[in-house]
């Protein structure tokens, strides 16, 4: 019974994906083309977003390796 429900779910999700793809392509084809400066701005924005995302991920790994993400510890036991 469970296997049948998974097939029904997969079929419904596939139909939704096909419908959404058809809608996106039809809207994309009905709109006018973007001027060259718009494409340049879009490309620059995409590169900046990629660089900032990679930089933030690199900072996350750096912070984790240096131990900056560890919870604070008290040194009261060492003083006694």
PDB file of N, CA and C in Angstrom:
ATOM      1  N   UNK A   1       0.832  -1.210   0.000  1.00  0.00           N
ATOM      2  CA  UNK A   1       0.000   0.000   0.000  1.00  0.00           C
ATOM      3  C   UNK A   1       0.869   1.265   0.000  1.00  0.00           C
ATOM      4  N   UNK A   2       1.941   1.235   0.784  1.00  0.00           N
ATOM      5  CA  UNK A   2       2.789   2.412   0.875  1.00  0.00           C
ATOM      6  C   UNK A   2       3.468   2.704  -0.463  1.00  0.00           C
ATOM      7  N   UNK A   3       3.872   1.679  -1.166  1.00  0.00           N
ATOM      8  CA  UNK A   3       4.531   1.861  -2.455  1.00  0.00           C
ATOM      9  C   UNK A   3       3.581   2.520  -3.460  1.00  0.00           C
ATOM     10  N   UNK A   4       2.301   2.168  -3.418  1.00  0.00           N
ATOM     11  CA  UNK A   4       1.313   2.795  -4.300  1.00  0.00           C
ATOM     12  C   UNK A   4       1.129   4.268  -4.000  1.00  0.00           C
ATOM     13  N   UNK A   5       1.131   4.617  -2.726  1.00  0.00           N
ATOM     14  CA  UNK A   5       1.011   6.026  -2.349  1.00  0.00           C
ATOM     15  C   UNK A   5       2.220   6.831  -2.807  1.00  0.00           C
ATOM     16  N   UNK A   6       3.391   6.224  -2.785  1.00  0.00           N
ATOM     17  CA  UNK A   6       4.584   6.928  -3.248  1.00  0.00           C
ATOM     18  C   UNK A   6       4.513   7.191  -4.746  1.00  0.00           C
ATOM     19  N   UNK A   7       3.980   6.233  -5.504  1.00  0.00           N
ATOM     20  CA  UNK A   7       3.843   6.438  -6.949  1.00  0.00           C
ATOM     21  C   UNK A   7       2.837   7.538  -7.259  1.00  0.00           C
ATOM     22  N   UNK A   8       1.754   7.585  -6.501  1.00  0.00           N
ATOM     23  CA  UNK A   8       0.744   8.640  -6.708  1.00  0.00           C
ATOM     24  C   UNK A   8       1.354  10.005  -6.378  1.00  0.00           C
ATOM     25  N   UNK A   9       2.083  10.074  -5.280  1.00  0.00           N
ATOM     26  CA  UNK A   9       2.730  11.333  -4.901  1.00  0.00           C
ATOM     27  C   UNK A   9       3.733  11.765  -5.960  1.00  0.00           C
ATOM     28  N   UNK A  10       4.532  10.826  -6.455  1.00  0.00           N
ATOM     29  CA  UNK A  10       5.510  11.151  -7.493  1.00  0.00           C
ATOM     30  C   UNK A  10       4.818  11.632  -8.763  1.00  0.00           C
ATOM     31  N   UNK A  11       3.693  11.029  -9.138  1.00  0.00           N
ATOM     32  CA  UNK A  11       2.970  11.439 -10.338  1.00  0.00           C
ATOM     33  C   UNK A  11       2.390  12.846 -10.172  1.00  0.00           C
ATOM     34  N   UNK A  12       1.842  13.138  -9.000  1.00  0.00           N
ATOM     35  CA  UNK A  12       1.277  14.471  -8.751  1.00  0.00           C
ATOM     36  C   UNK A  12       2.384  15.520  -8.776  1.00  0.00           C
ATOM     37  N   UNK A  13       3.522  15.231  -8.146  1.00  0.00           N
ATOM     38  CA  UNK A  13       4.624  16.182  -8.141  1.00  0.00           C
ATOM     39  C   UNK A  13       5.202  16.386  -9.539  1.00  0.00           C
ATOM     40  N   UNK A  14       5.267  15.317 -10.327  1.00  0.00           N
ATOM     41  CA  UNK A  14       5.749  15.445 -11.704  1.00  0.00           C
ATOM     42  C   UNK A  14       4.797  16.294 -12.533  1.00  0.00           C
ATOM     43  N   UNK A  15       3.490  16.118 -12.334  1.00  0.00           N
ATOM     44  CA  UNK A  15       2.510  16.931 -13.059  1.00  0.00           C
ATOM     45  C   UNK A  15       2.623  18.398 -12.665  1.00  0.00           C
ATOM     46  N   UNK A  16       2.838  18.668 -11.388  1.00  0.00           N
ATOM     47  CA  UNK A  16       3.026  20.055 -10.945  1.00  0.00           C
ATOM     48  C   UNK A  16       4.292  20.657 -11.539  1.00  0.00           C
ATOM     49  N   UNK A  17       5.351  19.867 -11.625  1.00  0.00           N
ATOM     50  CA  UNK A  17       6.595  20.352 -12.225  1.00  0.00           C
ATOM     51  C   UNK A  17       6.408  20.670 -13.701  1.00  0.00           C
ATOM     52  N   UNK A  18       5.709  19.809 -14.424  1.00  0.00           N
ATOM     53  CA  UNK A  18       5.457  20.057 -15.850  1.00  0.00           C
ATOM     54  C   UNK A  18       4.599  21.305 -16.025  1.00  0.00           C
ATOM     55  N   UNK A  19       3.572  21.473 -15.199  1.00  0.00           N
ATOM     56  CA  UNK A  19       2.713  22.650 -15.292  1.00  0.00           C
ATOM     57  C   UNK A  19       3.463  23.937 -14.979  1.00  0.00           C
ATOM     58  N   UNK A  20       4.281  23.916 -13.947  1.00  0.00           N
ATOM     59  CA  UNK A  20       5.056  25.108 -13.590  1.00  0.00           C
ATOM     60  C   UNK A  20       6.069  25.448 -14.671  1.00  0.00           C
ATOM     61  N   UNK A  21       6.706  24.425 -15.258  1.00  0.00           N
ATOM     62  CA  UNK A  21       7.662  24.662 -16.335  1.00  0.00           C
ATOM     63  C   UNK A  21       6.972  25.243 -17.554  1.00  0.00           C
ATOM     64  N   UNK A  22       5.832  24.705 -17.906  1.00  0.00           N
ATOM     65  CA  UNK A  22       5.080  25.230 -19.054  1.00  0.00           C
ATOM     66  C   UNK A  22       4.703  26.692 -18.823  1.00  0.00           C
ATOM     67  N   UNK A  23       4.217  27.017 -17.622  1.00  0.00           N
ATOM     68  CA  UNK A  23       3.827  28.390 -17.316  1.00  0.00           C
ATOM     69  C   UNK A  23       5.021  29.334 -17.401  1.00  0.00           C
ATOM     70  N   UNK A  24       6.164  28.929 -16.829  1.00  0.00           N
ATOM     71  CA  UNK A  24       7.348  29.787 -16.856  1.00  0.00           C
ATOM     72  C   UNK A  24       7.835  30.031 -18.284  1.00  0.00           C
ATOM     73  N   UNK A  25       7.843  28.991 -19.103  1.00  0.00           N
ATOM     74  CA  UNK A  25       8.302  29.150 -20.481  1.00  0.00           C
ATOM     75  C   UNK A  25       7.342  30.026 -21.269  1.00  0.00           C
ATOM     76  N   UNK A  26       6.041  29.878 -21.051  1.00  0.00           N
ATOM     77  CA  UNK A  26       5.074  30.703 -21.791  1.00  0.00           C
ATOM     78  C   UNK A  26       5.179  32.173 -21.398  1.00  0.00           C
ATOM     79  N   UNK A  27       5.393  32.457 -20.132  1.00  0.00           N
ATOM     80  CA  UNK A  27       5.558  33.848 -19.697  1.00  0.00           C
ATOM     81  C   UNK A  27       6.874  34.408 -20.223  1.00  0.00           C
ATOM     82  N   UNK A  28       7.933  33.605 -20.212  1.00  0.00           N
ATOM     83  CA  UNK A  28       9.233  34.044 -20.683  1.00  0.00           C
ATOM     84  C   UNK A  28       9.190  34.403 -22.170  1.00  0.00           C
ATOM     85  N   UNK A  29       8.497  33.609 -22.955  1.00  0.00           N
ATOM     86  CA  UNK A  29       8.422  33.868 -24.397  1.00  0.00           C
ATOM     87  C   UNK A  29       7.522  35.063 -24.737  1.00  0.00           C
ATOM     88  N   UNK A  30       6.579  35.389 -23.873  1.00  0.00           N
ATOM     89  CA  UNK A  30       5.653  36.482 -24.185  1.00  0.00           C
ATOM     90  C   UNK A  30       6.205  37.852 -23.790  1.00  0.00           C
ATOM     91  N   UNK A  31       7.264  37.900 -23.010  1.00  0.00           N
ATOM     92  CA  UNK A  31       7.819  39.187 -22.605  1.00  0.00           C
ATOM     93  C   UNK A  31       8.864  39.657 -23.611  1.00  0.00           C
ATOM     94  N   UNK A  32       9.044  40.963 -23.748  1.00  0.00           N
ATOM     95  CA  UNK A  32      10.059  41.465 -24.688  1.00  0.00           C
ATOM     96  C   UNK A  32      11.469  41.186 -24.163  1.00  0.00           C
ATOM     97  N   UNK A  33      12.440  41.220 -25.066  1.00  0.00           N
ATOM     98  CA  UNK A  33      13.827  40.969 -24.693  1.00  0.00           C
ATOM     99  C   UNK A  33      14.404  42.089 -23.847  1.00  0.00           C
ATOM    100  N   UNK A  34      15.400  41.759 -23.068  1.00  0.00           N
ATOM    101  CA  UNK A  34      16.036  42.731 -22.198  1.00  0.00           C
ATOM    102  C   UNK A  34      17.172  43.421 -22.970  1.00  0.00           C
ATOM    103  N   UNK A  35      17.372  44.727 -22.761  1.00  0.00           N
ATOM    104  CA  UNK A  35      18.474  45.411 -23.447  1.00  0.00           C
ATOM    105  C   UNK A  35      19.829  44.912 -22.929  1.00  0.00           C
ATOM    106  N   UNK A  36      20.885  45.283 -23.649  1.00  0.00           N
ATOM    107  CA  UNK A  36      22.231  44.803 -23.327  1.00  0.00           C
ATOM    108  C   UNK A  36      22.657  45.239 -21.930  1.00  0.00           C
ATOM    109  N   UNK A  37      22.373  46.489 -21.557  1.00  0.00           N
ATOM    110  CA  UNK A  37      22.798  46.945 -20.234  1.00  0.00           C
ATOM    111  C   UNK A  37      22.090  46.171 -19.127  1.00  0.00           C
ATOM    112  N   UNK A  38      20.889  45.712 -19.380  1.00  0.00           N
ATOM    113  CA  UNK A  38      20.192  44.884 -18.399  1.00  0.00           C
ATOM    114  C   UNK A  38      20.875  43.545 -18.210  1.00  0.00           C
ATOM    115  N   UNK A  39      21.331  42.949 -19.312  1.00  0.00           N
ATOM    116  CA  UNK A  39      22.068  41.688 -19.213  1.00  0.00           C
ATOM    117  C   UNK A  39      23.384  41.873 -18.477  1.00  0.00           C
ATOM    118  N   UNK A  40      24.061  42.992 -18.725  1.00  0.00           N
ATOM    119  CA  UNK A  40      25.331  43.263 -18.038  1.00  0.00           C
ATOM    120  C   UNK A  40      25.098  43.420 -16.542  1.00  0.00           C
ATOM    121  N   UNK A  41      24.083  44.180 -16.171  1.00  0.00           N
ATOM    122  CA  UNK A  41      23.772  44.383 -14.754  1.00  0.00           C
ATOM    123  C   UNK A  41      23.405  43.057 -14.094  1.00  0.00           C
ATOM    124  N   UNK A  42      22.624  42.241 -14.776  1.00  0.00           N
ATOM    125  CA  UNK A  42      22.243  40.937 -14.244  1.00  0.00           C
ATOM    126  C   UNK A  42      23.458  40.038 -14.057  1.00  0.00           C
ATOM    127  N   UNK A  43      24.386  40.048 -15.003  1.00  0.00           N
ATOM    128  CA  UNK A  43      25.590  39.223 -14.899  1.00  0.00           C
ATOM    129  C   UNK A  43      26.477  39.694 -13.749  1.00  0.00           C
ATOM    130  N   UNK A  44      26.645  41.017 -13.611  1.00  0.00           N
ATOM    131  CA  UNK A  44      27.465  41.547 -12.521  1.00  0.00           C
ATOM    132  C   UNK A  44      26.839  41.205 -11.174  1.00  0.00           C
ATOM    133  N   UNK A  45      25.539  41.331 -11.062  1.00  0.00           N
ATOM    134  CA  UNK A  45      24.855  40.998  -9.814  1.00  0.00           C
ATOM    135  C   UNK A  45      25.010  39.511  -9.490  1.00  0.00           C
ATOM    136  N   UNK A  46      24.911  38.660 -10.489  1.00  0.00           N
ATOM    137  CA  UNK A  46      25.067  37.221 -10.254  1.00  0.00           C
ATOM    138  C   UNK A  46      26.479  36.895  -9.777  1.00  0.00           C
ATOM    139  N   UNK A  47      27.482  37.521 -10.374  1.00  0.00           N
ATOM    140  CA  UNK A  47      28.863  37.282  -9.957  1.00  0.00           C
ATOM    141  C   UNK A  47      29.083  37.788  -8.534  1.00  0.00           C
ATOM    142  N   UNK A  48      28.566  38.956  -8.209  1.00  0.00           N
ATOM    143  CA  UNK A  48      28.719  39.492  -6.854  1.00  0.00           C
ATOM    144  C   UNK A  48      28.031  38.608  -5.821  1.00  0.00           C
ATOM    145  N   UNK A  49      26.875  38.094  -6.142  1.00  0.00           N
ATOM    146  CA  UNK A  49      26.177  37.201  -5.217  1.00  0.00           C
ATOM    147  C   UNK A  49      26.967  35.904  -5.025  1.00  0.00           C
ATOM    148  N   UNK A  50      27.544  35.381  -6.093  1.00  0.00           N
ATOM    149  CA  UNK A  50      28.343  34.162  -5.995  1.00  0.00           C
ATOM    150  C   UNK A  50      29.590  34.396  -5.148  1.00  0.00           C
ATOM    151  N   UNK A  51      30.261  35.517  -5.365  1.00  0.00           N
ATOM    152  CA  UNK A  51      31.472  35.832  -4.601  1.00  0.00           C
ATOM    153  C   UNK A  51      31.140  36.044  -3.123  1.00  0.00           C
ATOM    154  N   UNK A  52      30.072  36.777  -2.839  1.00  0.00           N
ATOM    155  CA  UNK A  52      29.724  37.011  -1.435  1.00  0.00           C
ATOM    156  C   UNK A  52      29.287  35.717  -0.751  1.00  0.00           C
ATOM    157  N   UNK A  53      28.569  34.857  -1.448  1.00  0.00           N
ATOM    158  CA  UNK A  53      28.166  33.578  -0.867  1.00  0.00           C
ATOM    159  C   UNK A  53      29.368  32.695  -0.580  1.00  0.00           C
ATOM    160  N   UNK A  54      30.295  32.610  -1.531  1.00  0.00           N
ATOM    161  CA  UNK A  54      31.511  31.815  -1.319  1.00  0.00           C
ATOM    162  C   UNK A  54      32.351  32.397  -0.186  1.00  0.00           C
ATOM    163  N   UNK A  55      32.410  33.716  -0.101  1.00  0.00           N
ATOM    164  CA  UNK A  55      33.156  34.351   0.981  1.00  0.00           C
ATOM    165  C   UNK A  55      32.561  34.064   2.343  1.00  0.00           C
ATOM    166  N   UNK A  56      31.246  34.102   2.439  1.00  0.00           N
ATOM    167  CA  UNK A  56      30.606  33.810   3.722  1.00  0.00           C
ATOM    168  C   UNK A  56      30.795  32.349   4.127  1.00  0.00           C
ATOM    169  N   UNK A  57      30.732  31.447   3.169  1.00  0.00           N
ATOM    170  CA  UNK A  57      30.972  30.041   3.478  1.00  0.00           C
ATOM    171  C   UNK A  57      32.423  29.845   3.925  1.00  0.00           C
ATOM    172  N   UNK A  58      33.364  30.523   3.240  1.00  0.00           N
ATOM    173  CA  UNK A  58      34.769  30.422   3.635  1.00  0.00           C
ATOM    174  C   UNK A  58      34.976  30.964   5.050  1.00  0.00           C
ATOM    175  N   UNK A  59      34.330  32.065   5.393  1.00  0.00           N
ATOM    176  CA  UNK A  59      34.433  32.600   6.752  1.00  0.00           C
ATOM    177  C   UNK A  59      33.851  31.639   7.775  1.00  0.00           C
ATOM    178  N   UNK A  60      32.787  30.956   7.422  1.00  0.00           N
ATOM    179  CA  UNK A  60      32.184  29.992   8.332  1.00  0.00           C
ATOM    180  C   UNK A  60      33.159  28.845   8.621  1.00  0.00           C
ATOM    181  N   UNK A  61      33.801  28.312   7.573  1.00  0.00           N
ATOM    182  CA  UNK A  61      34.761  27.234   7.771  1.00  0.00           C
ATOM    183  C   UNK A  61      35.981  27.727   8.551  1.00  0.00           C
ATOM    184  N   UNK A  62      36.458  28.921   8.256  1.00  0.00           N
ATOM    185  CA  UNK A  62      37.600  29.484   8.966  1.00  0.00           C
ATOM    186  C   UNK A  62      37.276  29.653  10.454  1.00  0.00           C
ATOM    187  N   UNK A  63      36.110  30.182  10.751  1.00  0.00           N
ATOM    188  CA  UNK A  63      35.698  30.393  12.128  1.00  0.00           C
ATOM    189  C   UNK A  63      35.587  29.066  12.872  1.00  0.00           C
ATOM    190  N   UNK A  64      35.065  28.058  12.213  1.00  0.00           N
ATOM    191  CA  UNK A  64      34.912  26.760  12.854  1.00  0.00           C
ATOM    192  C   UNK A  64      36.269  26.125  13.131  1.00  0.00           C
ATOM    193  N   UNK A  65      37.197  26.233  12.202  1.00  0.00           N
ATOM    194  CA  UNK A  65      38.518  25.615  12.385  1.00  0.00           C
ATOM    195  C   UNK A  65      39.346  26.323  13.452  1.00  0.00           C
ATOM    196  N   UNK A  66      39.165  27.614  13.611  1.00  0.00           N
ATOM    197  CA  UNK A  66      39.921  28.362  14.618  1.00  0.00           C
ATOM    198  C   UNK A  66      39.304  28.248  16.008  1.00  0.00           C
ATOM    199  N   UNK A  67      38.122  27.659  16.119  1.00  0.00           N
ATOM    200  CA  UNK A  67      37.496  27.465  17.417  1.00  0.00           C
ATOM    201  C   UNK A  67      36.665  28.634  17.896  1.00  0.00           C
ATOM    202  N   UNK A  68      36.351  29.553  17.012  1.00  0.00           N
ATOM    203  CA  UNK A  68      35.549  30.713  17.423  1.00  0.00           C
ATOM    204  C   UNK A  68      34.085  30.351  17.671  1.00  0.00           C
ATOM    205  N   UNK A  69      33.666  29.181  17.231  1.00  0.00           N
ATOM    206  CA  UNK A  69      32.278  28.771  17.400  1.00  0.00           C
ATOM    207  C   UNK A  69      32.048  27.957  18.669  1.00  0.00           C
ATOM    208  N   UNK A  70      33.094  27.736  19.442  1.00  0.00           N
ATOM    209  CA  UNK A  70      32.955  26.964  20.667  1.00  0.00           C
ATOM    210  C   UNK A  70      32.232  27.786  21.725  1.00  0.00           C
ATOM    211  N   UNK A  71      31.452  27.130  22.573  1.00  0.00           N
ATOM    212  CA  UNK A  71      30.781  27.886  23.642  1.00  0.00           C
ATOM    213  C   UNK A  71      31.807  28.370  24.665  1.00  0.00           C
ATOM    214  N   UNK A  72      31.538  29.480  25.328  1.00  0.00           N
ATOM    215  CA  UNK A  72      32.493  29.999  26.310  1.00  0.00           C
ATOM    216  C   UNK A  72      32.618  29.049  27.501  1.00  0.00           C
ATOM    217  N   UNK A  73      33.828  28.968  28.051  1.00  0.00           N
ATOM    218  CA  UNK A  73      34.070  28.113  29.216  1.00  0.00           C
ATOM    219  C   UNK A  73      34.598  28.955  30.367  1.00  0.00           C
ATOM    220  N   UNK A  74      34.255  28.581  31.534  1.00  0.00           N
ATOM    221  CA  UNK A  74      34.717  29.294  32.713  1.00  0.00           C
ATOM    222  C   UNK A  74      36.021  28.651  33.217  1.00  0.00           C
ATOM    223  N   UNK A  75      36.931  29.473  33.674  1.00  0.00           N
ATOM    224  CA  UNK A  75      38.204  28.998  34.211  1.00  0.00           C
ATOM    225  C   UNK A  75      38.186  28.992  35.752  1.00  0.00           C
ATOM    226  N   UNK A  76      37.010  29.006  36.367  1.00  0.00           N
ATOM    227  CA  UNK A  76      36.923  29.013  37.826  1.00  0.00           C
ATOM    228  C   UNK A  76      37.533  27.763  38.443  1.00  0.00           C
ATOM    229  N   UNK A  77      37.358  26.606  37.826  1.00  0.00           N
ATOM    230  CA  UNK A  77      37.886  25.357  38.370  1.00  0.00           C
ATOM    231  C   UNK A  77      39.409  25.361  38.310  1.00  0.00           C
ATOM    232  N   UNK A  78      40.003  25.989  37.337  1.00  0.00           N
ATOM    233  CA  UNK A  78      41.467  26.013  37.203  1.00  0.00           C
ATOM    234  C   UNK A  78      42.096  26.952  38.234  1.00  0.00           C
ATOM    235  N   UNK A  79      41.382  27.940  38.720  1.00  0.00           N
ATOM    236  CA  UNK A  79      41.926  28.913  39.670  1.00  0.00           C
ATOM    237  C   UNK A  79      42.012  28.359  41.086  1.00  0.00           C
ATOM    238  N   UNK A  80      41.200  27.376  41.420  1.00  0.00           N
ATOM    239  CA  UNK A  80      41.155  26.883  42.812  1.00  0.00           C
ATOM    240  C   UNK A  80      42.238  25.914  43.122  1.00  0.00           C
TER     241      UNK A  80
END
